[in-house]
């Protein structure tokens, strides 16, 4: 399967126009709980509405423009540190962890009450557009992105959304797209359960209000608890379309920060009950309340991809400003924030051949986009240029940090205590070295910086031989461990360094290991 450049371009435009429409439509109702009956914008939309759902994608776009396809969680964390100014919720916790030396995916997990909330799945459009027709690669990048400030359901929701949006460039059937997204999830998780609840409710003939209630009972969300039941605001007073709400005692209180499953479920309610009508679909997503700008924005992006910008009704397409206003970024020449949605789309399109070169079929003036052999996840498939199989990442997260070097992938696995150290308690750090070359390598791994009074249980140095992939089933990947017992802990933070040298080649790579004298879980 393939689509020509004109079709690809129209779908990218549809993606971000739909994102802009849905985000603007839902903005006044964000954080409130209620059921509405809107059919259009309820506020003045002549000026652009700032939207963090898009803001972070602008930082990722700059990363891709300057770093190319070799993006991973560490690159994205550095761009976050440089350009993202927002310090609320999971954004702030992830950034604060990273500034302390706690790297992804641990940065997205430690002390992060909002790690399973909505900050990651709302920013997957850039990965879908850059990996159009290649959901496995989109899911890989979505994982690298999400684990900077999320873990668990926060990551699963991002993987699901990225896969659906990437596949939507080639597949328009709603049920098939949902199944494709599900194929990238673990067999048991909250996001999958939310999807199943909504699909079953729709199949049974329930109306969207009943489906919403069943969803919030099955997978409670704390997002609508932030603002409480909608009473109207100065921006949008209560009216017949959005009346004053009363508390529904059947909906249980949620664990704070557990929001991603219900929000993905609301996206599906709008998608299924909207019946393919763009405007009706995004309105229903808002009608369900909770994180309304995110649910309607993401659904608008999905529908915009499937139908293309040309088929979004003018009422919606011309209904809100094309200009981009940011609320959570530090302006910078290197970041080079686009002024309009149109300018954003053109810059994303230009990066597609750089990120997905094996999927770009060039001709004299432009390129066509070629889909992967299977849009659903295929465990036996080989994905060129993919750093890793993201399903392995999901299994190992959040304890294992990965580092990608030119001929080597290094995995650093922390225990259940993560980066915490305690007087007299043995600490173990497992190291796995994966050879990426068709070339045998001997590696010397040294742990540098251990305090002199810390007791070493194992040697602080090991030598590991790696065979090349061809002719080797297991020995191209080998592991070792460093064990030590801390004593006389008198600092809050200890910065160690793991030095990896390639014998005979003069190559040295360095991996930071930060430990905290705290209950860092």
Protein backbone atom coordinates (compact mmCIF):
# COMPACT_ATOMS: atom_id res chain seq x y z
CA UNK A 1 0.00 0.00 0.00
CA UNK A 2 1.14 3.52 -0.67
CA UNK A 3 -0.22 7.06 -0.84
CA UNK A 4 1.12 9.87 -2.98
CA UNK A 5 2.69 13.03 -1.62
CA UNK A 6 -0.44 15.13 -2.14
CA UNK A 7 -2.54 12.71 -0.09
CA UNK A 8 0.09 12.46 2.65
CA UNK A 9 0.35 16.24 2.87
CA UNK A 10 -3.43 16.63 3.05
CA UNK A 11 -3.61 14.08 5.88
CA UNK A 12 -0.86 15.81 7.88
CA UNK A 13 -2.76 19.08 7.50
CA UNK A 14 -5.96 17.27 8.50
CA UNK A 15 -4.19 15.89 11.57
CA UNK A 16 -3.10 19.25 12.97
CA UNK A 17 -6.18 21.19 11.84
CA UNK A 18 -8.32 18.56 13.56
CA UNK A 19 -6.10 18.76 16.64
CA UNK A 20 -6.49 22.54 16.72
CA UNK A 21 -10.27 22.37 16.31
CA UNK A 22 -10.80 19.74 19.01
CA UNK A 23 -8.41 21.38 21.46
CA UNK A 24 -10.08 24.77 21.00
CA UNK A 25 -13.58 23.29 21.26
CA UNK A 26 -12.85 21.50 24.52
CA UNK A 27 -10.70 24.15 26.21
CA UNK A 28 -13.48 25.86 28.26
CA UNK A 29 -14.63 22.56 29.81
CA UNK A 30 -11.24 21.11 30.76
CA UNK A 31 -11.03 19.69 34.31
CA UNK A 32 -14.80 19.79 34.88
CA UNK A 33 -17.19 16.87 35.27
CA UNK A 34 -20.42 16.98 33.35
CA UNK A 35 -22.54 15.92 30.40
CA UNK A 36 -23.23 18.55 27.74
CA UNK A 37 -24.96 18.93 24.41
CA UNK A 38 -22.81 21.35 22.44
CA UNK A 39 -22.77 21.70 18.68
CA UNK A 40 -20.06 24.31 18.17
CA UNK A 41 -17.53 26.58 19.83
CA UNK A 42 -18.89 28.04 23.05
CA UNK A 43 -16.30 30.81 23.41
CA UNK A 44 -14.71 33.55 21.31
CA UNK A 45 -12.21 31.77 19.04
CA UNK A 46 -10.96 34.70 16.98
CA UNK A 47 -7.62 34.55 18.83
CA UNK A 48 -5.48 31.40 19.11
CA UNK A 49 -5.91 29.28 22.22
CA UNK A 50 -2.62 28.11 23.82
CA UNK A 51 -2.45 24.33 23.99
CA UNK A 52 0.22 22.27 25.75
CA UNK A 53 -0.88 19.28 23.62
CA UNK A 54 0.81 21.00 20.68
CA UNK A 55 3.53 22.89 22.57
CA UNK A 56 5.58 19.83 23.43
CA UNK A 57 5.40 18.60 19.85
CA UNK A 58 7.17 21.80 18.81
CA UNK A 59 10.08 20.87 21.05
CA UNK A 60 10.12 17.36 19.54
CA UNK A 61 10.05 18.83 16.03
CA UNK A 62 13.16 20.85 16.83
CA UNK A 63 14.81 17.68 18.17
CA UNK A 64 14.09 15.82 14.93
CA UNK A 65 15.24 18.75 12.78
CA UNK A 66 18.59 18.92 14.60
CA UNK A 67 19.21 15.33 15.66
CA UNK A 68 17.60 13.32 12.84
CA UNK A 69 16.03 9.90 13.28
CA UNK A 70 18.29 8.82 16.15
CA UNK A 71 15.92 10.17 18.77
CA UNK A 72 15.53 8.38 22.08
CA UNK A 73 14.30 9.23 25.56
CA UNK A 74 17.60 10.85 26.57
CA UNK A 75 17.61 13.21 23.58
CA UNK A 76 13.99 14.17 24.24
CA UNK A 77 14.69 14.71 27.94
CA UNK A 78 17.51 17.12 27.05
CA UNK A 79 15.23 19.09 24.72
CA UNK A 80 12.59 19.12 27.44
CA UNK A 81 15.13 20.49 29.92
CA UNK A 82 16.13 23.24 27.47
CA UNK A 83 12.76 24.36 26.14
CA UNK A 84 9.78 23.25 28.26
CA UNK A 85 8.91 25.79 30.95
CA UNK A 86 5.81 24.10 32.37
CA UNK A 87 6.31 22.73 35.89
CA UNK A 88 2.83 21.39 36.66
CA UNK A 89 1.89 17.78 37.44
CA UNK A 90 3.78 15.04 35.57
CA UNK A 91 5.59 17.63 33.43
CA UNK A 92 7.21 19.18 36.46
CA UNK A 93 7.96 15.92 38.25
CA UNK A 94 9.60 14.32 35.22
CA UNK A 95 11.71 17.42 34.58
CA UNK A 96 12.66 17.74 38.24
CA UNK A 97 13.76 14.09 38.33
CA UNK A 98 15.85 14.55 35.21
CA UNK A 99 17.54 17.67 36.59
CA UNK A 100 18.46 15.59 39.62
CA UNK A 101 20.19 13.04 37.40
CA UNK A 102 17.35 10.50 37.31
CA UNK A 103 17.11 9.45 33.66
CA UNK A 104 14.16 8.06 31.64
CA UNK A 105 12.24 5.84 32.17
CA UNK A 106 12.89 6.28 35.89
CA UNK A 107 12.29 10.04 35.54
CA UNK A 108 8.71 9.39 34.50
CA UNK A 109 8.00 7.12 37.45
CA UNK A 110 9.70 8.29 40.63
CA UNK A 111 7.51 10.35 43.01
CA UNK A 112 5.18 10.98 40.09
CA UNK A 113 1.56 10.90 41.25
CA UNK A 114 0.45 11.82 37.72
CA UNK A 115 2.52 9.23 35.87
CA UNK A 116 -0.66 7.54 34.57
CA UNK A 117 -2.36 10.76 33.53
CA UNK A 118 -2.78 12.44 30.16
CA UNK A 119 0.36 14.41 29.36
CA UNK A 120 1.91 11.93 26.89
CA UNK A 121 -0.84 10.45 24.70
CA UNK A 122 -1.96 13.97 23.81
CA UNK A 123 1.28 14.72 21.95
CA UNK A 124 1.67 11.67 19.68
CA UNK A 125 0.64 13.31 16.39
CA UNK A 126 4.20 14.22 15.44
CA UNK A 127 5.31 10.58 15.70
CA UNK A 128 2.30 9.40 13.69
CA UNK A 129 2.98 11.91 10.91
CA UNK A 130 6.71 11.17 10.80
CA UNK A 131 6.02 7.41 10.84
CA UNK A 132 2.89 7.37 8.65
CA UNK A 133 1.95 3.79 7.83
CA UNK A 134 4.53 2.38 10.24
CA UNK A 135 2.75 2.08 13.62
CA UNK A 136 5.53 0.02 15.18
CA UNK A 137 8.04 2.82 14.66
CA UNK A 138 5.51 5.43 15.81
CA UNK A 139 4.94 3.36 18.97
CA UNK A 140 8.70 3.14 19.55
CA UNK A 141 9.08 6.93 19.42
CA UNK A 142 5.91 7.39 21.51
CA UNK A 143 7.47 5.22 24.22
CA UNK A 144 10.70 7.25 24.20
CA UNK A 145 8.58 10.40 24.46
CA UNK A 146 6.14 9.21 27.14
CA UNK A 147 8.67 7.65 29.53
CA UNK A 148 10.32 11.03 30.13
CA UNK A 149 7.39 12.02 32.37
CA UNK A 150 5.04 9.00 32.59
CA UNK A 151 4.93 5.30 33.30
CA UNK A 152 2.33 2.52 33.23
CA UNK A 153 -1.01 3.56 31.72
CA UNK A 154 0.43 6.95 30.77
CA UNK A 155 2.80 5.15 28.38
CA UNK A 156 0.27 2.56 27.20
CA UNK A 157 -2.15 5.30 26.18
CA UNK A 158 0.59 7.04 24.16
CA UNK A 159 1.59 3.81 22.39
CA UNK A 160 -2.06 3.05 21.55
CA UNK A 161 -2.74 6.55 20.21
CA UNK A 162 0.46 6.77 18.15
CA UNK A 163 -0.21 3.37 16.53
CA UNK A 164 -3.82 4.29 15.68
CA UNK A 165 -2.85 7.65 14.20
CA UNK A 166 0.02 6.20 12.16
CA UNK A 167 -2.21 3.45 10.76
CA UNK A 168 -4.95 6.00 9.98
CA UNK A 169 -2.87 7.28 7.05
CA UNK A 170 -3.72 3.99 5.29
CA UNK A 171 -6.76 2.59 7.10
CA UNK A 172 -10.03 4.44 7.72
CA UNK A 173 -12.25 1.71 9.21
CA UNK A 174 -12.84 2.56 12.88
CA UNK A 175 -12.97 -1.00 14.21
CA UNK A 176 -9.84 -2.02 12.30
CA UNK A 177 -7.95 1.01 13.60
CA UNK A 178 -8.99 0.28 17.18
CA UNK A 179 -7.83 -3.33 16.79
CA UNK A 180 -4.52 -2.17 15.37
CA UNK A 181 -4.02 0.07 18.40
CA UNK A 182 -4.91 -2.75 20.79
CA UNK A 183 -2.35 -5.04 19.16
CA UNK A 184 0.39 -2.78 20.56
CA UNK A 185 -0.83 -3.00 24.18
CA UNK A 186 -0.18 -5.53 26.93
CA UNK A 187 -2.89 -8.17 27.31
CA UNK A 188 -3.99 -6.67 30.61
CA UNK A 189 -3.99 -2.94 31.21
CA UNK A 190 -6.40 -0.15 32.04
CA UNK A 191 -6.37 1.37 28.55
CA UNK A 192 -7.38 -1.96 26.99
CA UNK A 193 -10.13 -2.39 29.60
CA UNK A 194 -11.48 1.11 28.90
CA UNK A 195 -11.61 0.38 25.17
CA UNK A 196 -13.42 -2.91 25.80
CA UNK A 197 -16.01 -1.26 28.08
CA UNK A 198 -16.85 1.40 25.50
CA UNK A 199 -17.02 -1.04 22.58
CA UNK A 200 -19.30 -3.36 24.55
CA UNK A 201 -21.57 -0.50 25.55
CA UNK A 202 -21.80 0.69 21.94
CA UNK A 203 -22.48 -2.86 20.74
CA UNK A 204 -25.30 -3.21 23.30
CA UNK A 205 -27.07 -0.11 21.96
CA UNK A 206 -26.43 2.16 24.96
CA UNK A 207 -26.49 5.90 24.29
CA UNK A 208 -23.24 7.83 24.73
CA UNK A 209 -24.23 9.09 28.20
CA UNK A 210 -24.69 5.53 29.44
CA UNK A 211 -21.41 4.50 27.85
CA UNK A 212 -19.66 7.40 29.59
CA UNK A 213 -21.07 6.42 32.97
CA UNK A 214 -20.12 2.75 32.56
CA UNK A 215 -16.63 3.85 31.57
CA UNK A 216 -16.12 6.14 34.58
CA UNK A 217 -17.38 3.41 36.91
CA UNK A 218 -15.09 0.79 35.36
CA UNK A 219 -12.02 3.06 35.02
CA UNK A 220 -12.51 6.09 37.29
CA UNK A 221 -10.68 9.30 36.36
CA UNK A 222 -9.53 12.05 38.68
CA UNK A 223 -9.48 14.70 35.97
CA UNK A 224 -13.10 15.79 36.36
CA UNK A 225 -12.57 15.98 40.10
CA UNK A 226 -10.13 18.87 39.68
CA UNK A 227 -12.77 21.47 38.84
CA UNK A 228 -15.73 19.46 40.12
CA UNK A 229 -19.17 19.46 38.57
CA UNK A 230 -19.59 22.10 35.87
CA UNK A 231 -21.38 25.22 37.11
CA UNK A 232 -20.48 27.57 34.25
CA UNK A 233 -17.58 30.01 34.10
CA UNK A 234 -17.08 33.67 33.21
CA UNK A 235 -15.80 32.55 29.80
CA UNK A 236 -18.73 30.21 29.12
CA UNK A 237 -21.77 30.74 31.40
CA UNK A 238 -24.09 27.79 32.04
CA UNK A 239 -26.79 27.41 29.38
CA UNK A 240 -29.11 24.86 27.82
CA UNK A 241 -26.22 23.33 25.88
CA UNK A 242 -23.97 23.17 28.92
CA UNK A 243 -26.22 23.25 32.00
CA UNK A 244 -25.25 23.30 35.66
CA UNK A 245 -24.29 19.78 36.73
CA UNK A 246 -25.16 17.72 39.79
CA UNK A 247 -22.91 15.13 41.37
CA UNK A 248 -23.42 11.57 40.15
CA UNK A 249 -22.98 9.40 43.24
CA UNK A 250 -22.65 6.24 41.14
CA UNK A 251 -19.26 7.37 39.79
CA UNK A 252 -16.57 6.41 42.33
CA UNK A 253 -13.74 8.64 43.38
CA UNK A 254 -10.55 7.94 41.44
CA UNK A 255 -6.97 7.47 42.50
CA UNK A 256 -5.38 10.86 41.97
CA UNK A 257 -3.56 11.04 38.63
CA UNK A 258 -5.09 7.88 37.17
CA UNK A 259 -6.65 9.47 34.09
CA UNK A 260 -5.33 7.94 30.86
CA UNK A 261 -7.63 4.88 30.55
CA UNK A 262 -10.90 6.83 30.98
CA UNK A 263 -9.67 9.57 28.64
CA UNK A 264 -8.85 7.09 25.88
CA UNK A 265 -12.31 5.62 26.48
CA UNK A 266 -13.89 9.05 25.95
CA UNK A 267 -11.98 9.43 22.67
CA UNK A 268 -13.59 6.17 21.59
CA UNK A 269 -17.05 7.28 22.69
CA UNK A 270 -16.79 10.34 20.46
CA UNK A 271 -15.36 8.25 17.63
CA UNK A 272 -17.98 5.47 17.74
CA UNK A 273 -21.06 7.50 18.57
CA UNK A 274 -20.11 10.28 16.15
CA UNK A 275 -20.56 7.83 13.30
CA UNK A 276 -17.87 9.31 11.08
CA UNK A 277 -19.23 12.87 11.26
CA UNK A 278 -16.28 15.10 12.19
CA UNK A 279 -18.21 17.80 14.05
CA UNK A 280 -20.58 15.46 15.86
CA UNK A 281 -17.69 13.24 16.97
CA UNK A 282 -15.53 15.96 18.55
CA UNK A 283 -18.64 17.48 20.18
CA UNK A 284 -19.55 14.16 21.81
CA UNK A 285 -16.01 13.86 23.15
CA UNK A 286 -16.42 17.26 24.81
CA UNK A 287 -19.95 16.34 25.93
CA UNK A 288 -18.43 13.61 28.13
CA UNK A 289 -16.45 16.11 30.20
CA UNK A 290 -13.13 15.46 32.03
CA UNK A 291 -9.97 16.35 30.00
CA UNK A 292 -12.02 17.80 27.17
CA UNK A 293 -9.40 19.67 25.15
CA UNK A 294 -7.23 16.55 25.04
CA UNK A 295 -9.93 14.02 24.18
CA UNK A 296 -11.52 16.21 21.49
CA UNK A 297 -8.11 17.31 20.18
CA UNK A 298 -6.80 13.77 19.78
CA UNK A 299 -10.05 12.57 18.20
CA UNK A 300 -9.98 15.57 15.86
CA UNK A 301 -6.47 14.58 14.81
CA UNK A 302 -7.46 10.95 14.14
CA UNK A 303 -10.47 12.01 12.06
CA UNK A 304 -8.40 14.67 10.31
CA UNK A 305 -5.90 12.02 9.23
CA UNK A 306 -8.54 9.59 7.97
CA UNK A 307 -10.54 12.17 6.01
CA UNK A 308 -7.80 14.69 5.15
CA UNK A 309 -7.92 18.45 5.55
CA UNK A 310 -9.90 18.86 2.33
CA UNK A 311 -12.84 16.95 3.82
CA UNK A 312 -13.05 18.70 7.18
CA UNK A 313 -16.22 20.85 6.98
CA UNK A 314 -15.55 24.58 6.48
CA UNK A 315 -17.66 25.37 9.54
CA UNK A 316 -14.96 23.75 11.64
CA UNK A 317 -11.92 24.37 9.50
CA UNK A 318 -12.51 28.12 9.37
CA UNK A 319 -13.95 28.30 12.86
CA UNK A 320 -10.79 28.97 14.85
CA UNK A 321 -7.48 30.73 14.37
CA UNK A 322 -4.64 29.08 12.42
CA UNK A 323 -2.07 30.91 14.56
CA UNK A 324 -0.10 29.09 17.24
CA UNK A 325 0.05 30.54 20.75
CA UNK A 326 2.32 28.71 23.21
CA UNK A 327 1.96 28.49 26.98
CA UNK A 328 4.65 26.08 28.15
CA UNK A 329 7.77 26.73 26.04
CA UNK A 330 10.79 29.00 26.34
CA UNK A 331 11.19 30.78 22.99
CA UNK A 332 14.61 30.22 21.41
CA UNK A 333 16.16 30.56 17.96
CA UNK A 334 17.08 26.87 17.93
CA UNK A 335 13.49 25.96 18.81
CA UNK A 336 12.16 28.29 16.09
CA UNK A 337 8.47 28.09 17.02
CA UNK A 338 6.21 28.05 13.92
CA UNK A 339 3.70 30.89 13.86
CA UNK A 340 0.84 28.91 12.32
CA UNK A 341 -0.56 25.39 12.13
CA UNK A 342 0.18 25.48 8.39
CA UNK A 343 3.85 26.31 8.99
CA UNK A 344 4.04 23.48 11.56
CA UNK A 345 2.64 21.00 9.04
CA UNK A 346 5.14 21.99 6.34
CA UNK A 347 8.07 21.50 8.71
CA UNK A 348 6.79 18.10 9.85
CA UNK A 349 6.31 16.98 6.24
CA UNK A 350 9.89 17.94 5.36
CA UNK A 351 11.20 15.62 8.08
CA UNK A 352 9.31 12.52 6.94
CA UNK A 353 12.05 11.31 4.54
CA UNK A 354 14.68 11.83 7.26
CA UNK A 355 12.81 9.77 9.85
CA UNK A 356 11.15 7.20 7.57
CA UNK A 357 13.55 6.99 4.65
CA UNK A 358 12.72 3.31 4.05
CA UNK A 359 9.04 4.28 3.66
CA UNK A 360 9.63 7.20 1.29
CA UNK A 361 9.47 6.28 -2.41
CA UNK A 362 11.07 9.18 -4.25
CA UNK A 363 10.24 10.41 -7.72
CA UNK A 364 11.35 13.45 -9.70
CA UNK A 365 9.58 16.14 -7.65
CA UNK A 366 8.29 14.60 -4.43
CA UNK A 367 7.78 11.26 -2.68
CA UNK A 368 5.12 8.67 -1.97
CA UNK A 369 4.60 7.05 1.45
CA UNK A 370 4.73 3.25 1.60
CA UNK A 371 3.01 1.40 4.45
CA UNK A 372 4.57 -1.38 6.49
CA UNK A 373 3.61 -4.93 5.48
CA UNK A 374 1.41 -5.17 8.58
CA UNK A 375 -0.19 -2.24 10.38
CA UNK A 376 -1.03 -4.44 13.39
CA UNK A 377 1.85 -5.47 15.63
CA UNK A 378 3.83 -8.42 14.29
CA UNK A 379 6.34 -9.89 16.73
CA UNK A 380 8.20 -11.62 13.89
CA UNK A 381 8.59 -8.54 11.72
CA UNK A 382 11.86 -6.69 11.25
CA UNK A 383 11.57 -2.92 11.38
CA UNK A 384 14.52 -1.13 9.75
CA UNK A 385 15.86 1.92 11.58
CA UNK A 386 13.87 1.12 14.71
CA UNK A 387 16.05 1.46 17.78
CA UNK A 388 14.33 -1.39 19.61
CA UNK A 389 11.19 -3.45 19.86
CA UNK A 390 9.01 -1.21 22.02
CA UNK A 391 7.19 -4.20 23.57
CA UNK A 392 10.45 -5.14 25.26
CA UNK A 393 10.66 -1.58 26.50
CA UNK A 394 7.16 -1.81 27.98
CA UNK A 395 8.07 -5.01 29.83
CA UNK A 396 11.25 -3.54 31.31
CA UNK A 397 9.94 -0.08 32.16
CA UNK A 398 10.28 1.71 34.55
CA UNK A 399 13.33 0.00 36.11
CA UNK A 400 15.63 -0.13 33.07
CA UNK A 401 17.35 2.82 31.40
CA UNK A 402 18.71 2.26 27.90
CA UNK A 403 21.55 4.04 26.14
CA UNK A 404 22.18 3.83 22.41
CA UNK A 405 25.71 4.13 21.06
CA UNK A 406 26.95 3.59 17.51
CA UNK A 407 27.69 -0.12 17.93
CA UNK A 408 26.15 -0.91 21.26
CA UNK A 409 22.97 -0.70 23.33
CA UNK A 410 23.53 -0.57 27.09
CA UNK A 411 20.72 -1.45 29.51
CA UNK A 412 21.05 -0.37 33.14
CA UNK A 413 18.53 -2.14 35.37
CA UNK A 414 17.80 -0.88 38.85
CA UNK A 415 15.99 -2.95 41.48
CA UNK A 416 12.65 -2.35 43.16
CA UNK A 417 14.27 0.43 45.18
CA UNK A 418 15.15 2.24 41.94
CA UNK A 419 17.92 4.81 42.59
CA UNK A 420 17.59 4.82 46.40
CA UNK A 421 20.53 3.80 48.62
CA UNK A 422 20.41 3.06 52.34
CA UNK A 423 23.09 2.49 54.95
CA UNK A 424 24.02 -1.17 55.22
CA UNK A 425 21.61 -2.33 52.51
CA UNK A 426 23.13 -4.06 49.49
CA UNK A 427 22.57 -2.29 46.17
CA UNK A 428 22.65 -4.15 42.84
CA UNK A 429 22.76 -2.65 39.37
CA UNK A 430 22.51 -5.04 36.41
CA UNK A 431 24.14 -4.15 33.11
CA UNK A 432 23.18 -5.74 29.79
CA UNK A 433 25.32 -5.08 26.72
CA UNK A 434 23.84 -5.68 23.25
CA UNK A 435 26.11 -5.82 20.23
CA UNK A 436 24.66 -3.88 17.29
CA UNK A 437 27.55 -4.67 14.92
CA UNK A 438 28.39 -7.67 12.75
CA UNK A 439 31.70 -7.55 14.57
CA UNK A 440 32.82 -9.31 17.76
CA UNK A 441 33.69 -6.94 20.60
CA UNK A 442 35.40 -7.22 23.96
CA UNK A 443 34.17 -4.58 26.39
CA UNK A 444 35.59 -3.49 29.72
CA UNK A 445 32.99 -2.00 32.05
CA UNK A 446 34.11 -0.02 35.09
CA UNK A 447 32.01 1.64 37.77
CA UNK A 448 33.77 4.85 38.75
CA UNK A 449 33.14 7.15 41.69
CA UNK A 450 32.15 4.68 44.42
CA UNK A 451 32.94 6.24 47.83
CA UNK A 452 35.94 4.59 49.49
CA UNK A 453 33.98 3.50 52.55
CA UNK A 454 31.31 1.70 50.51
CA UNK A 455 31.83 -2.05 50.56
CA UNK A 456 32.14 -3.68 47.10
CA UNK A 457 30.47 -7.10 46.98
CA UNK A 458 31.40 -7.67 43.34
CA UNK A 459 34.32 -6.29 41.39
CA UNK A 460 34.00 -2.69 40.22
CA UNK A 461 35.23 -3.84 36.80
CA UNK A 462 34.18 -6.61 34.42
CA UNK A 463 35.21 -7.73 30.96
CA UNK A 464 32.46 -8.92 28.60
CA UNK A 465 32.87 -10.62 25.24
CA UNK A 466 30.15 -10.06 22.64
CA UNK A 467 29.83 -12.06 19.44
CA UNK A 468 28.21 -10.62 16.32
CA UNK A 469 24.56 -11.34 15.49
CA UNK A 470 25.25 -13.72 12.61
CA UNK A 471 25.94 -17.20 13.93
CA UNK A 472 25.14 -16.30 17.53
CA UNK A 473 21.82 -16.95 19.22
CA UNK A 474 22.65 -15.62 22.67
CA UNK A 475 26.22 -14.38 23.02
CA UNK A 476 25.70 -11.11 21.13
CA UNK A 477 23.95 -9.99 24.34
CA UNK A 478 25.67 -10.49 27.71
CA UNK A 479 25.10 -9.21 31.22
CA UNK A 480 27.08 -8.40 34.34
CA UNK A 481 26.26 -6.77 37.67
CA UNK A 482 27.74 -4.37 40.19
CA UNK A 483 26.92 -4.95 43.85
CA UNK A 484 27.97 -2.82 46.79
CA UNK A 485 26.87 -1.93 50.30
CA UNK A 486 26.73 1.78 51.14
CA UNK A 487 28.11 2.90 54.50
CA UNK A 488 28.26 6.26 56.22
CA UNK A 489 25.87 7.94 53.79
CA UNK A 490 26.39 11.64 54.38
CA UNK A 491 25.20 13.14 51.10
CA UNK A 492 21.80 13.29 49.50
CA UNK A 493 23.08 12.46 46.02
CA UNK A 494 25.90 10.33 44.66
CA UNK A 495 26.95 10.65 41.03
CA UNK A 496 28.75 7.60 39.67
CA UNK A 497 29.91 6.96 36.12
CA UNK A 498 30.02 3.71 34.19
CA UNK A 499 32.86 3.69 31.68
CA UNK A 500 32.58 1.23 28.79
CA UNK A 501 35.68 0.82 26.68
CA UNK A 502 35.92 -1.22 23.48
CA UNK A 503 39.19 -3.16 23.64
CA UNK A 504 41.51 -2.58 20.74
CA UNK A 505 39.55 0.31 19.26
CA UNK A 506 40.12 3.19 21.67
CA UNK A 507 36.38 3.72 21.97
CA UNK A 508 34.92 4.85 25.29
CA UNK A 509 31.32 5.45 26.22
CA UNK A 510 30.07 6.87 29.51
CA UNK A 511 26.80 6.18 31.29
CA UNK A 512 25.76 8.27 34.32
CA UNK A 513 24.50 6.48 37.43
CA UNK A 514 22.84 8.78 39.97
CA UNK A 515 21.88 7.43 43.39
CA UNK A 516 19.78 9.23 46.00
CA UNK A 517 19.89 8.81 49.77
CA UNK A 518 16.13 8.84 49.97
CA UNK A 519 13.06 6.66 49.58
CA UNK A 520 13.14 7.35 45.84
CA UNK A 521 10.21 5.27 44.61
